[in-house]
Amino acid sequence: MAESDTVTKAAETVSSRAQRASHDEDTTENSFSIGQLAREFRVTLRTLRFYEDRGLVSPRRDGTTRIYSRRDRARLKLVLMGKKVGFSLTEIREMLDLYDLKDGQIVQLRVALKRFQEQVDVLKDQRSDIEQAIEELERTVDVVAGMLREKETASG
């Protein structure tokens, strides 16, 4: 019987190790370190900690190690996209919070659509202002270049 118990315990140990290894693989595929996300999204560790402080991502902790979930990764991607198109962190936070509502996403989609359209309008206005500024600068460059040519011709 002692030999049988030893075999049973050995089998349990092997099974337990296999389960832990499987869990570790799942965790590795479904979790990310702060360094991994910083490299992937080309942001600093400080940026990620800042977004955590603002409640935009919520990594779990293993001691002092931050472990980010797929949800955190997706939220980070949305935060960075939002920043890129000109949304403030407050606006981004409000939109991310809508994802947590359990209303079948109707409210979320309506609010997001409205905000996105408003931001498109803002960006179009900015583009128009930039195009106008470029045209004015190009005219000024032509005038100044002409004045410079006249001065160089007169002095040379």
N, C-alpha and C. Protein backbone atom coordinates (compact mmCIF):
# COMPACT_ATOMS: atom_id res chain seq x y z
N MET A 1 0.80 -1.20 0.00
CA MET A 1 0.00 0.00 0.00
C MET A 1 0.84 1.26 0.00
N ALA A 2 1.93 1.25 0.67
CA ALA A 2 2.80 2.42 0.71
C ALA A 2 3.29 2.75 -0.69
N GLU A 3 3.60 1.71 -1.46
CA GLU A 3 4.06 1.94 -2.83
C GLU A 3 2.94 2.54 -3.67
N SER A 4 1.72 2.09 -3.45
CA SER A 4 0.54 2.61 -4.16
C SER A 4 0.32 4.08 -3.82
N ASP A 5 0.47 4.42 -2.53
CA ASP A 5 0.33 5.82 -2.11
C ASP A 5 1.40 6.70 -2.76
N THR A 6 2.60 6.18 -2.84
CA THR A 6 3.69 6.93 -3.46
C THR A 6 3.40 7.18 -4.93
N VAL A 7 2.91 6.17 -5.63
CA VAL A 7 2.57 6.31 -7.04
C VAL A 7 1.44 7.33 -7.21
N THR A 8 0.43 7.24 -6.33
CA THR A 8 -0.70 8.17 -6.39
C THR A 8 -0.22 9.60 -6.17
N LYS A 9 0.63 9.80 -5.15
CA LYS A 9 1.15 11.14 -4.87
C LYS A 9 1.99 11.66 -6.03
N ALA A 10 2.78 10.80 -6.63
CA ALA A 10 3.61 11.20 -7.77
C ALA A 10 2.72 11.61 -8.94
N ALA A 11 1.66 10.83 -9.17
CA ALA A 11 0.73 11.17 -10.25
C ALA A 11 0.05 12.50 -9.98
N GLU A 12 -0.35 12.72 -8.71
CA GLU A 12 -0.98 13.99 -8.35
C GLU A 12 -0.01 15.16 -8.55
N THR A 13 1.26 14.95 -8.20
CA THR A 13 2.27 15.99 -8.37
C THR A 13 2.45 16.33 -9.84
N VAL A 14 2.55 15.29 -10.68
CA VAL A 14 2.72 15.51 -12.12
C VAL A 14 1.50 16.24 -12.67
N SER A 15 0.30 15.81 -12.26
CA SER A 15 -0.93 16.44 -12.73
C SER A 15 -0.98 17.90 -12.28
N SER A 16 -0.62 18.15 -11.03
CA SER A 16 -0.62 19.51 -10.49
C SER A 16 0.35 20.39 -11.24
N ARG A 17 1.54 19.87 -11.52
CA ARG A 17 2.54 20.65 -12.28
C ARG A 17 2.04 20.95 -13.68
N ALA A 18 1.40 19.98 -14.32
CA ALA A 18 0.86 20.18 -15.67
C ALA A 18 -0.22 21.26 -15.65
N GLN A 19 -1.07 21.23 -14.62
CA GLN A 19 -2.12 22.24 -14.52
C GLN A 19 -1.51 23.63 -14.32
N ARG A 20 -0.49 23.72 -13.45
CA ARG A 20 0.17 25.00 -13.22
C ARG A 20 0.84 25.50 -14.49
N ALA A 21 1.50 24.60 -15.22
CA ALA A 21 2.16 24.99 -16.47
C ALA A 21 1.13 25.48 -17.47
N SER A 22 0.02 24.77 -17.56
CA SER A 22 -1.05 25.19 -18.47
C SER A 22 -1.59 26.56 -18.06
N HIS A 23 -1.80 26.74 -16.75
CA HIS A 23 -2.28 28.03 -16.24
C HIS A 23 -1.28 29.13 -16.54
N ASP A 24 0.03 28.84 -16.33
CA ASP A 24 1.07 29.84 -16.60
C ASP A 24 1.07 30.22 -18.07
N GLU A 25 0.87 29.24 -18.98
CA GLU A 25 0.83 29.55 -20.40
C GLU A 25 -0.37 30.44 -20.70
N ASP A 26 -1.54 30.10 -20.12
CA ASP A 26 -2.74 30.91 -20.32
C ASP A 26 -2.51 32.32 -19.81
N THR A 27 -1.90 32.42 -18.64
CA THR A 27 -1.65 33.72 -18.04
C THR A 27 -0.69 34.52 -18.91
N THR A 28 0.34 33.86 -19.42
CA THR A 28 1.30 34.55 -20.27
C THR A 28 0.62 35.08 -21.53
N GLU A 29 -0.28 34.29 -22.11
CA GLU A 29 -0.96 34.72 -23.33
C GLU A 29 -2.01 35.79 -23.05
N ASN A 30 -2.53 35.82 -21.85
CA ASN A 30 -3.62 36.73 -21.51
C ASN A 30 -3.21 37.84 -20.57
N SER A 31 -1.94 37.95 -20.29
CA SER A 31 -1.48 39.01 -19.41
C SER A 31 -0.18 39.58 -19.95
N PHE A 32 0.09 40.80 -19.52
CA PHE A 32 1.23 41.53 -20.06
C PHE A 32 1.90 42.29 -18.92
N SER A 33 3.21 42.39 -19.01
CA SER A 33 3.95 43.20 -18.04
C SER A 33 3.92 44.65 -18.50
N ILE A 34 4.29 45.53 -17.60
CA ILE A 34 4.34 46.95 -17.94
C ILE A 34 5.36 47.19 -19.05
N GLY A 35 6.46 46.46 -19.00
CA GLY A 35 7.49 46.60 -20.03
C GLY A 35 7.02 46.14 -21.40
N GLN A 36 6.27 45.03 -21.42
CA GLN A 36 5.75 44.54 -22.69
C GLN A 36 4.82 45.57 -23.34
N LEU A 37 3.92 46.14 -22.55
CA LEU A 37 2.98 47.12 -23.12
C LEU A 37 3.70 48.40 -23.52
N ALA A 38 4.67 48.80 -22.71
CA ALA A 38 5.42 50.02 -23.04
C ALA A 38 6.13 49.84 -24.38
N ARG A 39 6.75 48.68 -24.58
CA ARG A 39 7.44 48.42 -25.85
C ARG A 39 6.44 48.34 -27.01
N GLU A 40 5.37 47.59 -26.80
CA GLU A 40 4.39 47.40 -27.87
C GLU A 40 3.79 48.71 -28.36
N PHE A 41 3.43 49.58 -27.40
CA PHE A 41 2.75 50.82 -27.76
C PHE A 41 3.69 52.03 -27.82
N ARG A 42 4.97 51.77 -27.59
CA ARG A 42 5.99 52.82 -27.66
C ARG A 42 5.66 53.99 -26.74
N VAL A 43 5.37 53.65 -25.49
CA VAL A 43 5.14 54.66 -24.46
C VAL A 43 6.10 54.36 -23.31
N THR A 44 6.22 55.30 -22.42
CA THR A 44 7.12 55.10 -21.28
C THR A 44 6.38 54.38 -20.15
N LEU A 45 7.17 53.81 -19.25
CA LEU A 45 6.59 53.19 -18.06
C LEU A 45 5.84 54.24 -17.26
N ARG A 46 6.39 55.45 -17.23
CA ARG A 46 5.75 56.54 -16.50
C ARG A 46 4.36 56.84 -17.07
N THR A 47 4.23 56.78 -18.41
CA THR A 47 2.94 57.00 -19.05
C THR A 47 1.93 55.96 -18.59
N LEU A 48 2.35 54.70 -18.58
CA LEU A 48 1.44 53.63 -18.15
C LEU A 48 1.03 53.81 -16.70
N ARG A 49 1.97 54.17 -15.84
CA ARG A 49 1.63 54.41 -14.43
C ARG A 49 0.68 55.61 -14.30
N PHE A 50 0.89 56.63 -15.13
CA PHE A 50 0.02 57.80 -15.14
C PHE A 50 -1.41 57.39 -15.52
N TYR A 51 -1.54 56.59 -16.57
CA TYR A 51 -2.87 56.12 -16.99
C TYR A 51 -3.51 55.26 -15.90
N GLU A 52 -2.70 54.51 -15.19
CA GLU A 52 -3.22 53.73 -14.07
C GLU A 52 -3.74 54.66 -12.97
N ASP A 53 -2.96 55.69 -12.65
CA ASP A 53 -3.38 56.66 -11.63
C ASP A 53 -4.69 57.34 -12.00
N ARG A 54 -4.91 57.53 -13.30
CA ARG A 54 -6.14 58.17 -13.79
C ARG A 54 -7.30 57.19 -13.95
N GLY A 55 -7.04 55.91 -13.64
CA GLY A 55 -8.10 54.91 -13.72
C GLY A 55 -8.43 54.45 -15.12
N LEU A 56 -7.55 54.71 -16.07
CA LEU A 56 -7.80 54.30 -17.45
C LEU A 56 -7.47 52.83 -17.66
N VAL A 57 -6.50 52.32 -16.91
CA VAL A 57 -6.17 50.90 -16.89
C VAL A 57 -6.07 50.48 -15.44
N SER A 58 -6.32 49.19 -15.18
CA SER A 58 -6.31 48.71 -13.80
C SER A 58 -5.58 47.38 -13.70
N PRO A 59 -4.26 47.41 -13.79
CA PRO A 59 -3.53 46.15 -13.70
C PRO A 59 -3.66 45.56 -12.30
N ARG A 60 -3.63 44.23 -12.23
CA ARG A 60 -3.61 43.61 -10.92
C ARG A 60 -2.16 43.59 -10.46
N ARG A 61 -1.98 43.35 -9.20
CA ARG A 61 -0.64 43.37 -8.63
C ARG A 61 -0.25 41.99 -8.13
N ASP A 62 1.01 41.64 -8.38
CA ASP A 62 1.63 40.46 -7.79
C ASP A 62 2.85 41.00 -7.07
N GLY A 63 2.66 41.35 -5.80
CA GLY A 63 3.70 42.07 -5.08
C GLY A 63 3.77 43.48 -5.65
N THR A 64 4.95 43.85 -6.16
CA THR A 64 5.09 45.18 -6.76
C THR A 64 4.98 45.12 -8.28
N THR A 65 4.76 43.93 -8.82
CA THR A 65 4.67 43.76 -10.27
C THR A 65 3.26 44.03 -10.76
N ARG A 66 3.15 44.87 -11.78
CA ARG A 66 1.87 45.14 -12.41
C ARG A 66 1.64 44.08 -13.48
N ILE A 67 0.45 43.50 -13.49
CA ILE A 67 0.09 42.50 -14.49
C ILE A 67 -1.16 43.01 -15.20
N TYR A 68 -0.99 43.32 -16.49
CA TYR A 68 -2.07 43.88 -17.29
C TYR A 68 -2.82 42.77 -18.01
N SER A 69 -4.14 42.89 -18.03
CA SER A 69 -4.99 41.90 -18.70
C SER A 69 -5.20 42.31 -20.15
N ARG A 70 -5.85 41.43 -20.91
CA ARG A 70 -6.23 41.78 -22.29
C ARG A 70 -7.14 43.00 -22.30
N ARG A 71 -8.01 43.10 -21.30
CA ARG A 71 -8.90 44.25 -21.19
C ARG A 71 -8.09 45.53 -21.00
N ASP A 72 -7.08 45.49 -20.12
CA ASP A 72 -6.21 46.66 -19.93
C ASP A 72 -5.50 47.02 -21.23
N ARG A 73 -5.03 46.01 -21.95
CA ARG A 73 -4.34 46.24 -23.22
C ARG A 73 -5.28 46.91 -24.22
N ALA A 74 -6.51 46.42 -24.30
CA ALA A 74 -7.50 47.00 -25.22
C ALA A 74 -7.82 48.43 -24.82
N ARG A 75 -7.97 48.67 -23.51
CA ARG A 75 -8.27 50.02 -23.04
C ARG A 75 -7.09 50.95 -23.34
N LEU A 76 -5.87 50.47 -23.16
CA LEU A 76 -4.69 51.29 -23.46
C LEU A 76 -4.67 51.65 -24.94
N LYS A 77 -4.98 50.69 -25.78
CA LYS A 77 -5.02 50.95 -27.22
C LYS A 77 -6.04 52.04 -27.54
N LEU A 78 -7.20 51.99 -26.91
CA LEU A 78 -8.23 53.01 -27.11
C LEU A 78 -7.79 54.37 -26.57
N VAL A 79 -7.13 54.36 -25.42
CA VAL A 79 -6.63 55.62 -24.85
C VAL A 79 -5.67 56.29 -25.82
N LEU A 80 -4.73 55.52 -26.33
CA LEU A 80 -3.72 56.09 -27.23
C LEU A 80 -4.34 56.55 -28.55
N MET A 81 -5.31 55.80 -29.05
CA MET A 81 -6.01 56.22 -30.26
C MET A 81 -6.78 57.52 -29.99
N GLY A 82 -7.45 57.58 -28.85
CA GLY A 82 -8.18 58.79 -28.47
C GLY A 82 -7.28 60.00 -28.36
N LYS A 83 -6.13 59.82 -27.74
CA LYS A 83 -5.17 60.92 -27.62
C LYS A 83 -4.69 61.36 -29.01
N LYS A 84 -4.46 60.40 -29.88
CA LYS A 84 -3.95 60.70 -31.22
C LYS A 84 -4.92 61.56 -32.02
N VAL A 85 -6.22 61.34 -31.82
CA VAL A 85 -7.20 62.12 -32.58
C VAL A 85 -7.71 63.33 -31.81
N GLY A 86 -7.11 63.61 -30.66
CA GLY A 86 -7.38 64.87 -29.99
C GLY A 86 -8.33 64.86 -28.81
N PHE A 87 -8.74 63.69 -28.34
CA PHE A 87 -9.60 63.65 -27.17
C PHE A 87 -8.77 63.89 -25.91
N SER A 88 -9.37 64.54 -24.93
CA SER A 88 -8.72 64.72 -23.63
C SER A 88 -8.82 63.41 -22.86
N LEU A 89 -8.00 63.26 -21.83
CA LEU A 89 -8.08 62.05 -21.00
C LEU A 89 -9.44 61.94 -20.32
N THR A 90 -10.01 63.06 -19.95
CA THR A 90 -11.34 63.05 -19.33
C THR A 90 -12.38 62.50 -20.31
N GLU A 91 -12.32 62.97 -21.55
CA GLU A 91 -13.27 62.48 -22.55
C GLU A 91 -13.05 60.99 -22.82
N ILE A 92 -11.81 60.59 -22.88
CA ILE A 92 -11.49 59.18 -23.11
C ILE A 92 -12.02 58.34 -21.96
N ARG A 93 -11.80 58.81 -20.74
CA ARG A 93 -12.26 58.08 -19.56
C ARG A 93 -13.79 57.91 -19.60
N GLU A 94 -14.50 58.98 -19.94
CA GLU A 94 -15.96 58.90 -20.01
C GLU A 94 -16.40 57.87 -21.04
N MET A 95 -15.74 57.83 -22.19
CA MET A 95 -16.11 56.86 -23.22
C MET A 95 -15.76 55.44 -22.79
N LEU A 96 -14.61 55.27 -22.14
CA LEU A 96 -14.24 53.94 -21.66
C LEU A 96 -15.22 53.46 -20.59
N ASP A 97 -15.67 54.36 -19.75
CA ASP A 97 -16.62 53.98 -18.71
C ASP A 97 -17.93 53.49 -19.31
N LEU A 98 -18.27 53.99 -20.48
CA LEU A 98 -19.49 53.53 -21.14
C LEU A 98 -19.40 52.05 -21.52
N TYR A 99 -18.19 51.57 -21.77
CA TYR A 99 -18.02 50.15 -22.12
C TYR A 99 -18.42 49.25 -20.95
N ASP A 100 -18.38 49.79 -19.75
CA ASP A 100 -18.71 48.99 -18.57
C ASP A 100 -20.22 48.91 -18.32
N LEU A 101 -21.00 49.72 -19.05
CA LEU A 101 -22.45 49.66 -18.88
C LEU A 101 -22.99 48.36 -19.46
N LYS A 102 -24.03 47.85 -18.85
CA LYS A 102 -24.62 46.59 -19.30
C LYS A 102 -25.94 46.84 -20.02
N ASP A 103 -25.97 47.82 -20.93
CA ASP A 103 -27.21 48.19 -21.60
C ASP A 103 -27.27 47.69 -23.03
N GLY A 104 -26.47 46.70 -23.35
CA GLY A 104 -26.46 46.22 -24.72
C GLY A 104 -25.70 47.15 -25.65
N GLN A 105 -24.97 48.06 -25.10
CA GLN A 105 -24.08 48.97 -25.80
C GLN A 105 -24.81 50.06 -26.59
N ILE A 106 -26.11 50.19 -26.46
CA ILE A 106 -26.84 51.22 -27.21
C ILE A 106 -26.42 52.61 -26.75
N VAL A 107 -26.42 52.85 -25.45
CA VAL A 107 -26.01 54.16 -24.93
C VAL A 107 -24.56 54.43 -25.31
N GLN A 108 -23.72 53.43 -25.13
CA GLN A 108 -22.30 53.57 -25.46
C GLN A 108 -22.12 53.96 -26.92
N LEU A 109 -22.80 53.28 -27.80
CA LEU A 109 -22.65 53.55 -29.23
C LEU A 109 -23.17 54.92 -29.61
N ARG A 110 -24.29 55.34 -29.02
CA ARG A 110 -24.83 56.67 -29.32
C ARG A 110 -23.87 57.77 -28.87
N VAL A 111 -23.38 57.63 -27.64
CA VAL A 111 -22.47 58.65 -27.11
C VAL A 111 -21.17 58.66 -27.92
N ALA A 112 -20.64 57.48 -28.19
CA ALA A 112 -19.39 57.40 -28.96
C ALA A 112 -19.57 58.01 -30.34
N LEU A 113 -20.65 57.67 -31.02
CA LEU A 113 -20.90 58.22 -32.35
C LEU A 113 -20.96 59.74 -32.32
N LYS A 114 -21.68 60.29 -31.34
CA LYS A 114 -21.79 61.75 -31.22
C LYS A 114 -20.42 62.37 -30.97
N ARG A 115 -19.67 61.81 -30.04
CA ARG A 115 -18.34 62.35 -29.73
C ARG A 115 -17.39 62.24 -30.91
N PHE A 116 -17.42 61.09 -31.59
CA PHE A 116 -16.53 60.91 -32.73
C PHE A 116 -16.86 61.92 -33.83
N GLN A 117 -18.15 62.12 -34.10
CA GLN A 117 -18.54 63.07 -35.14
C GLN A 117 -18.12 64.49 -34.75
N GLU A 118 -18.30 64.83 -33.48
CA GLU A 118 -17.87 66.16 -33.01
C GLU A 118 -16.36 66.33 -33.21
N GLN A 119 -15.60 65.26 -32.90
CA GLN A 119 -14.14 65.35 -33.04
C GLN A 119 -13.74 65.43 -34.51
N VAL A 120 -14.45 64.73 -35.39
CA VAL A 120 -14.19 64.85 -36.83
C VAL A 120 -14.38 66.30 -37.26
N ASP A 121 -15.46 66.93 -36.78
CA ASP A 121 -15.72 68.33 -37.11
C ASP A 121 -14.60 69.24 -36.61
N VAL A 122 -14.15 69.00 -35.38
CA VAL A 122 -13.05 69.80 -34.82
C VAL A 122 -11.79 69.63 -35.67
N LEU A 123 -11.47 68.39 -36.02
CA LEU A 123 -10.26 68.14 -36.81
C LEU A 123 -10.37 68.76 -38.21
N LYS A 124 -11.55 68.72 -38.81
CA LYS A 124 -11.74 69.36 -40.12
C LYS A 124 -11.54 70.87 -40.02
N ASP A 125 -12.07 71.47 -38.95
CA ASP A 125 -11.86 72.91 -38.74
C ASP A 125 -10.37 73.22 -38.58
N GLN A 126 -9.68 72.37 -37.82
CA GLN A 126 -8.24 72.57 -37.62
C GLN A 126 -7.50 72.43 -38.95
N ARG A 127 -7.90 71.43 -39.75
CA ARG A 127 -7.25 71.23 -41.05
C ARG A 127 -7.46 72.48 -41.92
N SER A 128 -8.66 73.01 -41.91
CA SER A 128 -8.95 74.21 -42.70
C SER A 128 -8.07 75.37 -42.24
N ASP A 129 -7.98 75.55 -40.93
CA ASP A 129 -7.13 76.62 -40.37
C ASP A 129 -5.67 76.42 -40.76
N ILE A 130 -5.21 75.17 -40.72
CA ILE A 130 -3.81 74.87 -41.07
C ILE A 130 -3.57 75.14 -42.55
N GLU A 131 -4.50 74.72 -43.41
CA GLU A 131 -4.35 74.97 -44.85
C GLU A 131 -4.30 76.46 -45.14
N GLN A 132 -5.14 77.23 -44.46
CA GLN A 132 -5.14 78.68 -44.64
C GLN A 132 -3.81 79.28 -44.16
N ALA A 133 -3.32 78.82 -43.03
CA ALA A 133 -2.05 79.33 -42.51
C ALA A 133 -0.90 79.00 -43.46
N ILE A 134 -0.92 77.80 -44.04
CA ILE A 134 0.13 77.41 -44.99
C ILE A 134 0.09 78.32 -46.22
N GLU A 135 -1.11 78.57 -46.74
CA GLU A 135 -1.23 79.46 -47.91
C GLU A 135 -0.69 80.85 -47.59
N GLU A 136 -1.03 81.38 -46.41
CA GLU A 136 -0.55 82.71 -46.03
C GLU A 136 0.97 82.72 -45.88
N LEU A 137 1.51 81.68 -45.28
CA LEU A 137 2.97 81.61 -45.13
C LEU A 137 3.67 81.48 -46.47
N GLU A 138 3.09 80.70 -47.38
CA GLU A 138 3.70 80.55 -48.71
C GLU A 138 3.70 81.88 -49.45
N ARG A 139 2.63 82.68 -49.33
CA ARG A 139 2.60 84.01 -49.94
C ARG A 139 3.66 84.91 -49.31
N THR A 140 3.80 84.82 -48.00
CA THR A 140 4.80 85.62 -47.29
C THR A 140 6.21 85.21 -47.72
N VAL A 141 6.43 83.90 -47.87
CA VAL A 141 7.74 83.41 -48.33
C VAL A 141 8.05 83.99 -49.71
N ASP A 142 7.06 83.98 -50.61
CA ASP A 142 7.26 84.53 -51.95
C ASP A 142 7.62 86.02 -51.89
N VAL A 143 6.91 86.78 -51.06
CA VAL A 143 7.17 88.22 -50.93
C VAL A 143 8.57 88.45 -50.38
N VAL A 144 8.92 87.75 -49.30
CA VAL A 144 10.24 87.95 -48.67
C VAL A 144 11.35 87.49 -49.61
N ALA A 145 11.15 86.39 -50.32
CA ALA A 145 12.17 85.92 -51.27
C ALA A 145 12.36 86.96 -52.37
N GLY A 146 11.27 87.56 -52.85
CA GLY A 146 11.36 88.61 -53.88
C GLY A 146 12.13 89.82 -53.35
N MET A 147 11.82 90.22 -52.12
CA MET A 147 12.52 91.36 -51.52
C MET A 147 14.01 91.06 -51.38
N LEU A 148 14.34 89.85 -50.98
CA LEU A 148 15.74 89.46 -50.82
C LEU A 148 16.46 89.49 -52.17
N ARG A 149 15.82 88.98 -53.21
CA ARG A 149 16.44 88.99 -54.55
C ARG A 149 16.72 90.44 -55.00
N GLU A 150 15.74 91.32 -54.75
CA GLU A 150 15.93 92.73 -55.11
C GLU A 150 17.12 93.34 -54.38
N LYS A 151 17.21 93.05 -53.08
CA LYS A 151 18.32 93.61 -52.28
C LYS A 151 19.65 93.05 -52.75
N GLU A 152 19.69 91.75 -53.05
CA GLU A 152 20.95 91.13 -53.49
C GLU A 152 21.35 91.67 -54.87
N THR A 153 20.37 91.89 -55.74
CA THR A 153 20.66 92.42 -57.08
C THR A 153 21.17 93.86 -56.97
N ALA A 154 20.54 94.64 -56.09
CA ALA A 154 20.93 96.05 -55.93
C ALA A 154 22.32 96.19 -55.31
N SER A 155 22.68 95.26 -54.42
CA SER A 155 23.96 95.40 -53.74
C SER A 155 25.07 94.64 -54.47
N GLY A 156 24.73 93.80 -55.44
CA GLY A 156 25.74 92.95 -56.05
C GLY A 156 26.15 93.38 -57.35
